[in-house]
Amino acid sequence: MGSRGPKKGIKATPLPPSAGGDRNAFADWHTDMEAEYQRLRAKHFKDGVKTGKKTKEERESEAKALMELRKEMPNSKIVIQGLSQHIKDKLGTSADSVILSASTYAKQMHNHPDITPSKYASLLGKIKDSKISYQQPLPQHIGIVLEDGKRYAAILKATEHSQVYLVSLYEISGKSLKRFQVDKNKMAAPGRP
């Protein structure tokens, strides 16, 4: 494992459980993380990022460069307060919050540049209110559906240290939602069979 960039302690910016959280705190954190992401992107993607269809080699090269970039992101995170009991039960955790790390946010900015900072702030504030969740194929993972004009899938992961991380967030269509529902019998909306 390589260095994860300058270590000045973990910068944790809490977002309160109000809808949308503290947008100013997120905006400030985003500004810092985007600047670092852009700096590291220029370093690791010297030839830019190819759009459109990519060869296997191009995909592998891009994945390797992104992994190196993520390792160098600051040890910083946003903490989203107010995890619902429904989500805690599905993940088998006592955690009261969800963490979005700088490393994951860098991956998100790379893979989903269409999600704006204001949309992130809004969606992060909706995690606590999510009523529909789906088991995921990986242990200790669930997917939740968030709505904010469009549908979004958020993948959450619980750790053995009673922490919950947001590992992915992306827009999801009706067709994709069907694929997202790994097993319809495991649908876990409260009050539903």
Foldseek 3Di string as FASTA:
>chain_A
DDAQADEPDEAEAEFELAQLGPLVSLVVVCVVLVVLLVVLCCVLVVVHQDDDDDDPVSVVSVVVSLVVSLSHGYNYKYKYFAAEPLLCVVLVFPDGIEIEGSSLVSVCCVPPVVQDSSNVSNQSSCNNVFQKWADDPDRSKIWTWDDDPFIKIWIWGADPVRYIYTNDIDTADPVRVVVNRVDVVRIRGPPDD
